[in-house]
């Protein structure tokens, strides 16, 4: 009788330990196939989670029947059941609708509806169409609320001074311009 109880305890303990599995994988973007760094991976219904590394790789120990939730700004959130697997490679799909609602402000993001200031966007293709040799002159007429004034027509000194919301202000009224994620203060 003791042998039977010992065998049952050993089998049940193996069963209990076998419920957790280590999941490894890589998260990539559907747009370019590159690994996505900083994707949040959470075991559904728990606080157990991790984030993907610089190449999109991740590793997490979860319950064998868990569901993993993958989320990243600008991409659709996806729920993937583990179903006993040890490897999950996921291609994240762009969420175009949410990208139009989010504005990058310095080193963070904020929804457009909660933003107090004005935001204008000019696509690079539009700026390339401009015959102007100086980029600051190309903004004139393409960005609402921006005034471009050129103080000289001398070659090499034809850069415009950009002002926003008129020429008088209580503070600095030169615009903050973000180019390909790089922030530059003109003025």
C-alpha atoms as a PDB file:
ATOM      1  CA  UNK A   1       0.000   0.000   0.000  1.00  0.00           C
ATOM      2  CA  UNK A   2       2.854   2.422   0.845  1.00  0.00           C
ATOM      3  CA  UNK A   3       4.476   1.708  -2.521  1.00  0.00           C
ATOM      4  CA  UNK A   4       1.264   2.609  -4.340  1.00  0.00           C
ATOM      5  CA  UNK A   5       0.911   5.878  -2.414  1.00  0.00           C
ATOM      6  CA  UNK A   6       4.581   6.719  -3.074  1.00  0.00           C
ATOM      7  CA  UNK A   7       4.148   6.062  -6.811  1.00  0.00           C
ATOM      8  CA  UNK A   8       0.988   8.221  -6.918  1.00  0.00           C
ATOM      9  CA  UNK A   9       2.775  11.091  -5.141  1.00  0.00           C
ATOM     10  CA  UNK A  10       5.771  10.858  -7.488  1.00  0.00           C
ATOM     11  CA  UNK A  11       3.547  10.796 -10.591  1.00  0.00           C
ATOM     12  CA  UNK A  12       1.426  13.716  -9.381  1.00  0.00           C
ATOM     13  CA  UNK A  13       4.522  15.802  -8.519  1.00  0.00           C
ATOM     14  CA  UNK A  14       5.909  15.199 -12.025  1.00  0.00           C
ATOM     15  CA  UNK A  15       2.548  16.261 -13.418  1.00  0.00           C
ATOM     16  CA  UNK A  16       2.580  19.460 -11.324  1.00  0.00           C
ATOM     17  CA  UNK A  17       6.086  20.401 -12.442  1.00  0.00           C
ATOM     18  CA  UNK A  18       5.327  19.587 -16.086  1.00  0.00           C
ATOM     19  CA  UNK A  19       2.611  22.251 -16.226  1.00  0.00           C
ATOM     20  CA  UNK A  20       5.110  25.087 -16.731  1.00  0.00           C
ATOM     21  CA  UNK A  21       6.918  25.444 -20.061  1.00  0.00           C
ATOM     22  CA  UNK A  22       9.529  27.879 -21.300  1.00  0.00           C
ATOM     23  CA  UNK A  23       8.405  29.644 -24.460  1.00  0.00           C
ATOM     24  CA  UNK A  24      11.023  31.170 -26.733  1.00  0.00           C
ATOM     25  CA  UNK A  25      10.500  33.020 -29.954  1.00  0.00           C
ATOM     26  CA  UNK A  26      10.934  36.138 -32.010  1.00  0.00           C
ATOM     27  CA  UNK A  27       8.480  38.962 -32.741  1.00  0.00           C
ATOM     28  CA  UNK A  28       8.804  40.641 -36.151  1.00  0.00           C
ATOM     29  CA  UNK A  29       7.018  43.399 -38.054  1.00  0.00           C
ATOM     30  CA  UNK A  30       4.858  42.491 -41.048  1.00  0.00           C
ATOM     31  CA  UNK A  31       6.053  45.681 -42.721  1.00  0.00           C
ATOM     32  CA  UNK A  32       9.759  44.865 -43.039  1.00  0.00           C
ATOM     33  CA  UNK A  33      10.280  41.499 -41.328  1.00  0.00           C
ATOM     34  CA  UNK A  34      12.656  43.043 -38.779  1.00  0.00           C
ATOM     35  CA  UNK A  35      12.603  42.056 -35.098  1.00  0.00           C
ATOM     36  CA  UNK A  36      10.567  44.389 -32.874  1.00  0.00           C
ATOM     37  CA  UNK A  37      12.304  45.512 -29.656  1.00  0.00           C
ATOM     38  CA  UNK A  38      10.170  46.299 -26.604  1.00  0.00           C
ATOM     39  CA  UNK A  39       7.096  44.186 -27.426  1.00  0.00           C
ATOM     40  CA  UNK A  40       5.212  43.391 -24.200  1.00  0.00           C
ATOM     41  CA  UNK A  41       4.439  39.676 -23.755  1.00  0.00           C
ATOM     42  CA  UNK A  42       2.085  38.842 -20.861  1.00  0.00           C
ATOM     43  CA  UNK A  43       0.631  35.566 -19.639  1.00  0.00           C
ATOM     44  CA  UNK A  44      -3.099  36.278 -19.825  1.00  0.00           C
ATOM     45  CA  UNK A  45      -4.741  36.756 -16.416  1.00  0.00           C
ATOM     46  CA  UNK A  46      -1.438  37.100 -14.537  1.00  0.00           C
ATOM     47  CA  UNK A  47       1.304  39.656 -13.955  1.00  0.00           C
ATOM     48  CA  UNK A  48       3.884  37.281 -15.445  1.00  0.00           C
ATOM     49  CA  UNK A  49       5.462  38.965 -18.439  1.00  0.00           C
ATOM     50  CA  UNK A  50       8.536  39.978 -20.367  1.00  0.00           C
ATOM     51  CA  UNK A  51       9.569  42.244 -23.249  1.00  0.00           C
ATOM     52  CA  UNK A  52      11.385  41.404 -26.463  1.00  0.00           C
ATOM     53  CA  UNK A  53      15.059  42.328 -26.796  1.00  0.00           C
ATOM     54  CA  UNK A  54      16.678  44.550 -29.455  1.00  0.00           C
ATOM     55  CA  UNK A  55      16.295  41.807 -32.093  1.00  0.00           C
ATOM     56  CA  UNK A  56      12.711  40.871 -31.145  1.00  0.00           C
ATOM     57  CA  UNK A  57      13.716  37.700 -29.232  1.00  0.00           C
ATOM     58  CA  UNK A  58      11.919  36.750 -26.037  1.00  0.00           C
ATOM     59  CA  UNK A  59      11.766  33.978 -23.450  1.00  0.00           C
ATOM     60  CA  UNK A  60       9.105  33.417 -20.792  1.00  0.00           C
ATOM     61  CA  UNK A  61       8.069  30.561 -18.470  1.00  0.00           C
ATOM     62  CA  UNK A  62       4.284  30.073 -18.421  1.00  0.00           C
ATOM     63  CA  UNK A  63       1.598  27.513 -17.720  1.00  0.00           C
ATOM     64  CA  UNK A  64       1.353  24.956 -20.569  1.00  0.00           C
ATOM     65  CA  UNK A  65      -2.267  25.912 -21.281  1.00  0.00           C
ATOM     66  CA  UNK A  66      -1.756  29.692 -20.959  1.00  0.00           C
ATOM     67  CA  UNK A  67      -2.559  32.358 -23.524  1.00  0.00           C
ATOM     68  CA  UNK A  68       0.102  34.966 -24.304  1.00  0.00           C
ATOM     69  CA  UNK A  69      -0.858  38.554 -25.117  1.00  0.00           C
ATOM     70  CA  UNK A  70       1.555  40.414 -27.427  1.00  0.00           C
ATOM     71  CA  UNK A  71       1.207  44.224 -27.534  1.00  0.00           C
ATOM     72  CA  UNK A  72       3.222  47.065 -29.031  1.00  0.00           C
ATOM     73  CA  UNK A  73       2.364  50.690 -29.908  1.00  0.00           C
ATOM     74  CA  UNK A  74       1.220  50.942 -33.520  1.00  0.00           C
ATOM     75  CA  UNK A  75       0.530  47.215 -33.885  1.00  0.00           C
ATOM     76  CA  UNK A  76      -2.578  45.104 -33.297  1.00  0.00           C
ATOM     77  CA  UNK A  77      -2.608  43.293 -29.937  1.00  0.00           C
ATOM     78  CA  UNK A  78      -2.608  39.528 -30.466  1.00  0.00           C
ATOM     79  CA  UNK A  79      -3.601  36.717 -28.090  1.00  0.00           C
ATOM     80  CA  UNK A  80      -1.821  33.434 -28.839  1.00  0.00           C
ATOM     81  CA  UNK A  81      -2.640  30.181 -26.963  1.00  0.00           C
ATOM     82  CA  UNK A  82       0.481  28.263 -25.909  1.00  0.00           C
ATOM     83  CA  UNK A  83      -1.137  24.831 -26.344  1.00  0.00           C
ATOM     84  CA  UNK A  84       1.957  23.021 -25.054  1.00  0.00           C
ATOM     85  CA  UNK A  85       4.337  24.640 -27.580  1.00  0.00           C
ATOM     86  CA  UNK A  86       7.843  25.725 -26.617  1.00  0.00           C
ATOM     87  CA  UNK A  87       8.427  28.118 -29.541  1.00  0.00           C
ATOM     88  CA  UNK A  88       6.206  30.941 -30.789  1.00  0.00           C
ATOM     89  CA  UNK A  89       7.370  33.169 -33.646  1.00  0.00           C
ATOM     90  CA  UNK A  90       4.925  35.993 -34.258  1.00  0.00           C
ATOM     91  CA  UNK A  91       4.524  38.545 -37.037  1.00  0.00           C
ATOM     92  CA  UNK A  92       2.857  41.685 -35.638  1.00  0.00           C
ATOM     93  CA  UNK A  93       0.343  43.452 -37.892  1.00  0.00           C
ATOM     94  CA  UNK A  94       0.304  47.254 -38.194  1.00  0.00           C
ATOM     95  CA  UNK A  95      -2.652  49.051 -36.619  1.00  0.00           C
ATOM     96  CA  UNK A  96      -2.963  52.002 -38.984  1.00  0.00           C
ATOM     97  CA  UNK A  97      -6.023  53.414 -37.191  1.00  0.00           C
ATOM     98  CA  UNK A  98      -4.214  53.700 -33.847  1.00  0.00           C
ATOM     99  CA  UNK A  99      -1.115  55.227 -35.465  1.00  0.00           C
ATOM    100  CA  UNK A 100      -3.200  58.153 -36.688  1.00  0.00           C
ATOM    101  CA  UNK A 101      -4.407  58.770 -33.118  1.00  0.00           C
ATOM    102  CA  UNK A 102      -0.947  58.805 -31.486  1.00  0.00           C
ATOM    103  CA  UNK A 103       1.524  61.700 -31.613  1.00  0.00           C
ATOM    104  CA  UNK A 104       5.181  61.341 -30.615  1.00  0.00           C
ATOM    105  CA  UNK A 105       6.104  64.134 -28.205  1.00  0.00           C
ATOM    106  CA  UNK A 106       9.816  64.162 -27.432  1.00  0.00           C
ATOM    107  CA  UNK A 107      10.546  60.762 -25.954  1.00  0.00           C
ATOM    108  CA  UNK A 108       6.941  59.693 -25.297  1.00  0.00           C
ATOM    109  CA  UNK A 109       3.596  59.328 -27.062  1.00  0.00           C
ATOM    110  CA  UNK A 110       0.265  60.981 -26.427  1.00  0.00           C
ATOM    111  CA  UNK A 111      -3.176  60.546 -27.987  1.00  0.00           C
ATOM    112  CA  UNK A 112      -4.150  63.348 -30.370  1.00  0.00           C
ATOM    113  CA  UNK A 113      -7.388  63.985 -28.489  1.00  0.00           C
ATOM    114  CA  UNK A 114      -5.496  64.871 -25.279  1.00  0.00           C
ATOM    115  CA  UNK A 115      -2.841  67.009 -27.001  1.00  0.00           C
ATOM    116  CA  UNK A 116      -3.146  70.735 -26.256  1.00  0.00           C
ATOM    117  CA  UNK A 117      -0.718  72.045 -28.886  1.00  0.00           C
ATOM    118  CA  UNK A 118      -0.879  72.004 -32.674  1.00  0.00           C
ATOM    119  CA  UNK A 119       0.687  69.196 -34.720  1.00  0.00           C
ATOM    120  CA  UNK A 120       1.324  69.347 -38.474  1.00  0.00           C
ATOM    121  CA  UNK A 121       2.867  66.660 -40.653  1.00  0.00           C
ATOM    122  CA  UNK A 122       4.605  66.927 -44.006  1.00  0.00           C
ATOM    123  CA  UNK A 123       5.619  63.770 -45.860  1.00  0.00           C
ATOM    124  CA  UNK A 124       9.166  63.557 -47.229  1.00  0.00           C
ATOM    125  CA  UNK A 125       7.831  63.073 -50.762  1.00  0.00           C
ATOM    126  CA  UNK A 126       6.143  66.495 -50.564  1.00  0.00           C
ATOM    127  CA  UNK A 127       9.376  68.176 -49.470  1.00  0.00           C
ATOM    128  CA  UNK A 128      11.312  66.479 -52.281  1.00  0.00           C
ATOM    129  CA  UNK A 129       8.934  68.045 -54.839  1.00  0.00           C
ATOM    130  CA  UNK A 130      10.005  71.522 -53.710  1.00  0.00           C
ATOM    131  CA  UNK A 131      12.510  73.295 -55.967  1.00  0.00           C
ATOM    132  CA  UNK A 132      14.051  74.997 -52.916  1.00  0.00           C
ATOM    133  CA  UNK A 133      17.699  74.078 -52.189  1.00  0.00           C
ATOM    134  CA  UNK A 134      17.211  74.789 -48.479  1.00  0.00           C
ATOM    135  CA  UNK A 135      14.895  72.541 -46.440  1.00  0.00           C
ATOM    136  CA  UNK A 136      13.643  75.391 -44.235  1.00  0.00           C
ATOM    137  CA  UNK A 137      12.303  77.175 -47.333  1.00  0.00           C
ATOM    138  CA  UNK A 138      10.388  74.028 -48.301  1.00  0.00           C
ATOM    139  CA  UNK A 139       8.156  74.262 -45.200  1.00  0.00           C
ATOM    140  CA  UNK A 140       6.610  77.551 -46.373  1.00  0.00           C
ATOM    141  CA  UNK A 141       3.033  76.935 -47.490  1.00  0.00           C
ATOM    142  CA  UNK A 142       3.098  73.260 -46.518  1.00  0.00           C
ATOM    143  CA  UNK A 143       2.686  73.461 -42.730  1.00  0.00           C
ATOM    144  CA  UNK A 144      -0.247  75.333 -41.210  1.00  0.00           C
ATOM    145  CA  UNK A 145       0.616  78.195 -38.857  1.00  0.00           C
ATOM    146  CA  UNK A 146       4.259  78.394 -40.001  1.00  0.00           C
ATOM    147  CA  UNK A 147       5.714  81.643 -41.331  1.00  0.00           C
ATOM    148  CA  UNK A 148       8.998  81.416 -43.248  1.00  0.00           C
ATOM    149  CA  UNK A 149      10.962  84.650 -43.641  1.00  0.00           C
ATOM    150  CA  UNK A 150      14.184  84.927 -45.608  1.00  0.00           C
ATOM    151  CA  UNK A 151      16.445  87.855 -44.732  1.00  0.00           C
ATOM    152  CA  UNK A 152      18.840  87.392 -47.627  1.00  0.00           C
ATOM    153  CA  UNK A 153      18.825  86.126 -51.189  1.00  0.00           C
ATOM    154  CA  UNK A 154      22.582  85.647 -51.161  1.00  0.00           C
ATOM    155  CA  UNK A 155      23.600  82.112 -52.206  1.00  0.00           C
ATOM    156  CA  UNK A 156      24.450  80.032 -49.169  1.00  0.00           C
ATOM    157  CA  UNK A 157      22.618  82.423 -46.833  1.00  0.00           C
ATOM    158  CA  UNK A 158      19.075  81.815 -48.040  1.00  0.00           C
ATOM    159  CA  UNK A 159      17.829  79.781 -45.075  1.00  0.00           C
ATOM    160  CA  UNK A 160      14.463  80.866 -43.713  1.00  0.00           C
ATOM    161  CA  UNK A 161      13.672  81.763 -40.153  1.00  0.00           C
ATOM    162  CA  UNK A 162      10.610  79.689 -39.220  1.00  0.00           C
ATOM    163  CA  UNK A 163       8.040  81.120 -36.823  1.00  0.00           C
ATOM    164  CA  UNK A 164       4.781  79.644 -35.591  1.00  0.00           C
ATOM    165  CA  UNK A 165       1.539  81.424 -34.701  1.00  0.00           C
ATOM    166  CA  UNK A 166       2.607  84.889 -35.788  1.00  0.00           C
ATOM    167  CA  UNK A 167       5.715  86.957 -35.339  1.00  0.00           C
ATOM    168  CA  UNK A 168       5.173  88.133 -31.779  1.00  0.00           C
ATOM    169  CA  UNK A 169       5.082  85.883 -28.766  1.00  0.00           C
ATOM    170  CA  UNK A 170       5.711  85.953 -25.028  1.00  0.00           C
ATOM    171  CA  UNK A 171       8.245  83.173 -25.479  1.00  0.00           C
ATOM    172  CA  UNK A 172      10.175  81.363 -28.153  1.00  0.00           C
ATOM    173  CA  UNK A 173       7.930  80.873 -31.157  1.00  0.00           C
ATOM    174  CA  UNK A 174      10.362  78.847 -33.264  1.00  0.00           C
ATOM    175  CA  UNK A 175       8.919  75.411 -34.077  1.00  0.00           C
ATOM    176  CA  UNK A 176      10.098  72.029 -32.845  1.00  0.00           C
ATOM    177  CA  UNK A 177      10.617  69.865 -35.920  1.00  0.00           C
ATOM    178  CA  UNK A 178      10.913  66.061 -35.788  1.00  0.00           C
ATOM    179  CA  UNK A 179      12.600  64.446 -38.806  1.00  0.00           C
ATOM    180  CA  UNK A 180      12.572  60.599 -38.942  1.00  0.00           C
ATOM    181  CA  UNK A 181      12.341  60.420 -35.159  1.00  0.00           C
ATOM    182  CA  UNK A 182      15.198  62.950 -34.632  1.00  0.00           C
ATOM    183  CA  UNK A 183      14.229  66.098 -32.776  1.00  0.00           C
ATOM    184  CA  UNK A 184      15.662  69.415 -33.964  1.00  0.00           C
ATOM    185  CA  UNK A 185      14.954  72.908 -32.638  1.00  0.00           C
ATOM    186  CA  UNK A 186      15.045  75.450 -35.459  1.00  0.00           C
ATOM    187  CA  UNK A 187      15.254  79.149 -34.916  1.00  0.00           C
END
